[in-house]
């Protein structure tokens, strides 16, 4: 478990959105928040805390 966490690489958002379909375990779980961030569709922390 710790090997997976320690053995990491860093990617740009565009690389994740365009090229990571086979590498990601849960593609939509990762891609949707990144797309939202790029499109300024992020909820404020106050709204998130209410959920």
PDB file of N, CA and C in Angstrom:
ATOM      1  N   UNK A   1       0.830  -1.200   0.000  1.00  0.00           N
ATOM      2  CA  UNK A   1       0.000   0.000   0.000  1.00  0.00           C
ATOM      3  C   UNK A   1       0.865   1.250   0.000  1.00  0.00           C
ATOM      4  N   UNK A   2       1.862   1.308   0.865  1.00  0.00           N
ATOM      5  CA  UNK A   2       2.687   2.517   0.914  1.00  0.00           C
ATOM      6  C   UNK A   2       3.553   2.663  -0.323  1.00  0.00           C
ATOM      7  N   UNK A   3       3.914   1.542  -0.964  1.00  0.00           N
ATOM      8  CA  UNK A   3       4.700   1.644  -2.189  1.00  0.00           C
ATOM      9  C   UNK A   3       3.924   2.395  -3.260  1.00  0.00           C
ATOM     10  N   UNK A   4       2.632   2.131  -3.333  1.00  0.00           N
ATOM     11  CA  UNK A   4       1.809   2.810  -4.322  1.00  0.00           C
ATOM     12  C   UNK A   4       1.762   4.307  -4.046  1.00  0.00           C
ATOM     13  N   UNK A   5       1.686   4.691  -2.799  1.00  0.00           N
ATOM     14  CA  UNK A   5       1.627   6.109  -2.438  1.00  0.00           C
ATOM     15  C   UNK A   5       2.979   6.773  -2.680  1.00  0.00           C
ATOM     16  N   UNK A   6       4.054   6.122  -2.332  1.00  0.00           N
ATOM     17  CA  UNK A   6       5.376   6.720  -2.459  1.00  0.00           C
ATOM     18  C   UNK A   6       5.880   6.729  -3.896  1.00  0.00           C
ATOM     19  N   UNK A   7       5.463   5.789  -4.695  1.00  0.00           N
ATOM     20  CA  UNK A   7       5.883   5.708  -6.081  1.00  0.00           C
ATOM     21  C   UNK A   7       4.883   6.487  -6.935  1.00  0.00           C
ATOM     22  N   UNK A   8       5.099   7.776  -7.088  1.00  0.00           N
ATOM     23  CA  UNK A   8       4.124   8.635  -7.759  1.00  0.00           C
ATOM     24  C   UNK A   8       4.788   9.477  -8.838  1.00  0.00           C
ATOM     25  N   UNK A   9       3.972   9.999  -9.718  1.00  0.00           N
ATOM     26  CA  UNK A   9       4.401  10.925 -10.743  1.00  0.00           C
ATOM     27  C   UNK A   9       3.436  12.107 -10.730  1.00  0.00           C
ATOM     28  N   UNK A  10       3.912  13.250 -11.186  1.00  0.00           N
ATOM     29  CA  UNK A  10       3.090  14.449 -11.231  1.00  0.00           C
ATOM     30  C   UNK A  10       2.696  14.724 -12.670  1.00  0.00           C
ATOM     31  N   UNK A  11       1.438  15.083 -12.889  1.00  0.00           N
ATOM     32  CA  UNK A  11       0.916  15.344 -14.223  1.00  0.00           C
ATOM     33  C   UNK A  11       0.222  16.697 -14.261  1.00  0.00           C
ATOM     34  N   UNK A  12       0.237  17.313 -15.414  1.00  0.00           N
ATOM     35  CA  UNK A  12      -0.524  18.541 -15.636  1.00  0.00           C
ATOM     36  C   UNK A  12      -2.000  18.166 -15.806  1.00  0.00           C
ATOM     37  N   UNK A  13      -2.892  19.088 -15.498  1.00  0.00           N
ATOM     38  CA  UNK A  13      -4.322  18.832 -15.625  1.00  0.00           C
ATOM     39  C   UNK A  13      -4.684  18.403 -17.047  1.00  0.00           C
ATOM     40  N   UNK A  14      -4.136  19.078 -18.047  1.00  0.00           N
ATOM     41  CA  UNK A  14      -4.476  18.742 -19.430  1.00  0.00           C
ATOM     42  C   UNK A  14      -4.046  17.325 -19.779  1.00  0.00           C
ATOM     43  N   UNK A  15      -2.912  16.874 -19.261  1.00  0.00           N
ATOM     44  CA  UNK A  15      -2.473  15.497 -19.503  1.00  0.00           C
ATOM     45  C   UNK A  15      -3.472  14.501 -18.921  1.00  0.00           C
ATOM     46  N   UNK A  16      -3.962  14.790 -17.741  1.00  0.00           N
ATOM     47  CA  UNK A  16      -4.931  13.893 -17.101  1.00  0.00           C
ATOM     48  C   UNK A  16      -6.222  13.854 -17.905  1.00  0.00           C
ATOM     49  N   UNK A  17      -6.697  15.010 -18.330  1.00  0.00           N
ATOM     50  CA  UNK A  17      -7.967  15.058 -19.049  1.00  0.00           C
ATOM     51  C   UNK A  17      -7.890  14.406 -20.420  1.00  0.00           C
ATOM     52  N   UNK A  18      -6.735  14.464 -21.070  1.00  0.00           N
ATOM     53  CA  UNK A  18      -6.635  13.989 -22.443  1.00  0.00           C
ATOM     54  C   UNK A  18      -6.017  12.602 -22.584  1.00  0.00           C
ATOM     55  N   UNK A  19      -5.092  12.238 -21.692  1.00  0.00           N
ATOM     56  CA  UNK A  19      -4.261  11.069 -21.963  1.00  0.00           C
ATOM     57  C   UNK A  19      -4.278   9.973 -20.909  1.00  0.00           C
ATOM     58  N   UNK A  20      -5.074  10.086 -19.878  1.00  0.00           N
ATOM     59  CA  UNK A  20      -4.954   9.150 -18.758  1.00  0.00           C
ATOM     60  C   UNK A  20      -6.096   8.141 -18.675  1.00  0.00           C
ATOM     61  N   UNK A  21      -6.818   7.919 -19.737  1.00  0.00           N
ATOM     62  CA  UNK A  21      -7.988   7.027 -19.701  1.00  0.00           C
ATOM     63  C   UNK A  21      -7.649   5.616 -19.224  1.00  0.00           C
ATOM     64  N   UNK A  22      -6.525   5.076 -19.610  1.00  0.00           N
ATOM     65  CA  UNK A  22      -6.170   3.706 -19.244  1.00  0.00           C
ATOM     66  C   UNK A  22      -5.477   3.615 -17.878  1.00  0.00           C
ATOM     67  N   UNK A  23      -4.865   4.698 -17.429  1.00  0.00           N
ATOM     68  CA  UNK A  23      -4.075   4.654 -16.205  1.00  0.00           C
ATOM     69  C   UNK A  23      -4.873   4.885 -14.931  1.00  0.00           C
ATOM     70  N   UNK A  24      -6.005   5.568 -15.035  1.00  0.00           N
ATOM     71  CA  UNK A  24      -6.765   5.937 -13.845  1.00  0.00           C
ATOM     72  C   UNK A  24      -7.768   4.864 -13.473  1.00  0.00           C
ATOM     73  N   UNK A  25      -7.890   4.595 -12.192  1.00  0.00           N
ATOM     74  CA  UNK A  25      -8.823   3.570 -11.707  1.00  0.00           C
ATOM     75  C   UNK A  25     -10.272   3.983 -11.871  1.00  0.00           C
ATOM     76  N   UNK A  26     -10.587   5.185 -11.453  1.00  0.00           N
ATOM     77  CA  UNK A  26     -11.955   5.685 -11.549  1.00  0.00           C
ATOM     78  C   UNK A  26     -11.914   6.995 -12.325  1.00  0.00           C
ATOM     79  N   UNK A  27     -11.991   6.875 -13.626  1.00  0.00           N
ATOM     80  CA  UNK A  27     -11.745   7.990 -14.520  1.00  0.00           C
ATOM     81  C   UNK A  27     -12.633   9.197 -14.239  1.00  0.00           C
ATOM     82  N   UNK A  28     -13.941   9.008 -14.147  1.00  0.00           N
ATOM     83  CA  UNK A  28     -14.841  10.143 -13.940  1.00  0.00           C
ATOM     84  C   UNK A  28     -14.642  10.790 -12.581  1.00  0.00           C
ATOM     85  N   UNK A  29     -14.291  10.002 -11.590  1.00  0.00           N
ATOM     86  CA  UNK A  29     -14.051  10.538 -10.248  1.00  0.00           C
ATOM     87  C   UNK A  29     -12.886  11.528 -10.262  1.00  0.00           C
ATOM     88  N   UNK A  30     -11.925  11.320 -11.131  1.00  0.00           N
ATOM     89  CA  UNK A  30     -10.750  12.181 -11.224  1.00  0.00           C
ATOM     90  C   UNK A  30     -10.955  13.282 -12.258  1.00  0.00           C
ATOM     91  N   UNK A  31     -11.477  12.936 -13.419  1.00  0.00           N
ATOM     92  CA  UNK A  31     -11.567  13.903 -14.510  1.00  0.00           C
ATOM     93  C   UNK A  31     -12.605  14.999 -14.274  1.00  0.00           C
ATOM     94  N   UNK A  32     -13.734  14.669 -13.683  1.00  0.00           N
ATOM     95  CA  UNK A  32     -14.792  15.672 -13.511  1.00  0.00           C
ATOM     96  C   UNK A  32     -14.358  16.820 -12.596  1.00  0.00           C
ATOM     97  N   UNK A  33     -13.759  16.563 -11.430  1.00  0.00           N
ATOM     98  CA  UNK A  33     -13.306  17.692 -10.605  1.00  0.00           C
ATOM     99  C   UNK A  33     -12.255  18.554 -11.297  1.00  0.00           C
ATOM    100  N   UNK A  34     -11.379  17.951 -12.081  1.00  0.00           N
ATOM    101  CA  UNK A  34     -10.365  18.726 -12.805  1.00  0.00           C
ATOM    102  C   UNK A  34     -11.034  19.601 -13.861  1.00  0.00           C
ATOM    103  N   UNK A  35     -11.976  19.036 -14.598  1.00  0.00           N
ATOM    104  CA  UNK A  35     -12.708  19.827 -15.586  1.00  0.00           C
ATOM    105  C   UNK A  35     -13.466  20.962 -14.910  1.00  0.00           C
ATOM    106  N   UNK A  36     -14.082  20.690 -13.772  1.00  0.00           N
ATOM    107  CA  UNK A  36     -14.786  21.740 -13.027  1.00  0.00           C
ATOM    108  C   UNK A  36     -13.840  22.841 -12.589  1.00  0.00           C
ATOM    109  N   UNK A  37     -12.667  22.470 -12.119  1.00  0.00           N
ATOM    110  CA  UNK A  37     -11.678  23.458 -11.695  1.00  0.00           C
ATOM    111  C   UNK A  37     -11.264  24.340 -12.863  1.00  0.00           C
ATOM    112  N   UNK A  38     -10.992  23.733 -14.003  1.00  0.00           N
ATOM    113  CA  UNK A  38     -10.579  24.495 -15.180  1.00  0.00           C
ATOM    114  C   UNK A  38     -11.678  25.417 -15.684  1.00  0.00           C
ATOM    115  N   UNK A  39     -12.944  25.050 -15.454  1.00  0.00           N
ATOM    116  CA  UNK A  39     -14.081  25.848 -15.924  1.00  0.00           C
ATOM    117  C   UNK A  39     -14.667  26.734 -14.829  1.00  0.00           C
ATOM    118  N   UNK A  40     -13.945  26.873 -13.710  1.00  0.00           N
ATOM    119  CA  UNK A  40     -14.393  27.705 -12.582  1.00  0.00           C
ATOM    120  C   UNK A  40     -15.768  27.300 -12.074  1.00  0.00           C
ATOM    121  N   UNK A  41     -16.019  26.000 -12.005  1.00  0.00           N
ATOM    122  CA  UNK A  41     -17.291  25.482 -11.490  1.00  0.00           C
ATOM    123  C   UNK A  41     -17.055  24.754 -10.177  1.00  0.00           C
ATOM    124  N   UNK A  42     -16.417  25.421  -9.254  1.00  0.00           N
ATOM    125  CA  UNK A  42     -16.089  24.833  -7.975  1.00  0.00           C
ATOM    126  C   UNK A  42     -16.987  25.450  -6.901  1.00  0.00           C
ATOM    127  N   UNK A  43     -17.601  24.618  -6.086  1.00  0.00           N
ATOM    128  CA  UNK A  43     -18.462  25.106  -5.012  1.00  0.00           C
ATOM    129  C   UNK A  43     -17.612  25.679  -3.876  1.00  0.00           C
ATOM    130  N   UNK A  44     -18.134  26.667  -3.212  1.00  0.00           N
ATOM    131  CA  UNK A  44     -17.409  27.241  -2.086  1.00  0.00           C
ATOM    132  C   UNK A  44     -17.368  26.241  -0.926  1.00  0.00           C
ATOM    133  N   UNK A  45     -16.418  26.402  -0.041  1.00  0.00           N
ATOM    134  CA  UNK A  45     -16.261  25.479   1.078  1.00  0.00           C
ATOM    135  C   UNK A  45     -17.483  25.526   1.996  1.00  0.00           C
ATOM    136  N   UNK A  46     -18.161  26.651   2.072  1.00  0.00           N
ATOM    137  CA  UNK A  46     -19.361  26.755   2.906  1.00  0.00           C
ATOM    138  C   UNK A  46     -20.461  25.829   2.390  1.00  0.00           C
ATOM    139  N   UNK A  47     -20.629  25.769   1.092  1.00  0.00           N
ATOM    140  CA  UNK A  47     -21.643  24.872   0.524  1.00  0.00           C
ATOM    141  C   UNK A  47     -21.245  23.416   0.751  1.00  0.00           C
ATOM    142  N   UNK A  48     -19.983  23.116   0.559  1.00  0.00           N
ATOM    143  CA  UNK A  48     -19.507  21.744   0.750  1.00  0.00           C
ATOM    144  C   UNK A  48     -19.686  21.309   2.192  1.00  0.00           C
ATOM    145  N   UNK A  49     -19.403  22.176   3.139  1.00  0.00           N
ATOM    146  CA  UNK A  49     -19.561  21.828   4.551  1.00  0.00           C
ATOM    147  C   UNK A  49     -21.015  21.541   4.911  1.00  0.00           C
ATOM    148  N   UNK A  50     -21.961  22.188   4.242  1.00  0.00           N
ATOM    149  CA  UNK A  50     -23.369  21.943   4.496  1.00  0.00           C
ATOM    150  C   UNK A  50     -23.821  20.578   4.007  1.00  0.00           C
ATOM    151  N   UNK A  51     -23.141  20.062   2.993  1.00  0.00           N
ATOM    152  CA  UNK A  51     -23.507  18.751   2.449  1.00  0.00           C
ATOM    153  C   UNK A  51     -23.084  17.692   3.419  1.00  0.00           C
TER     154      UNK A  51
END
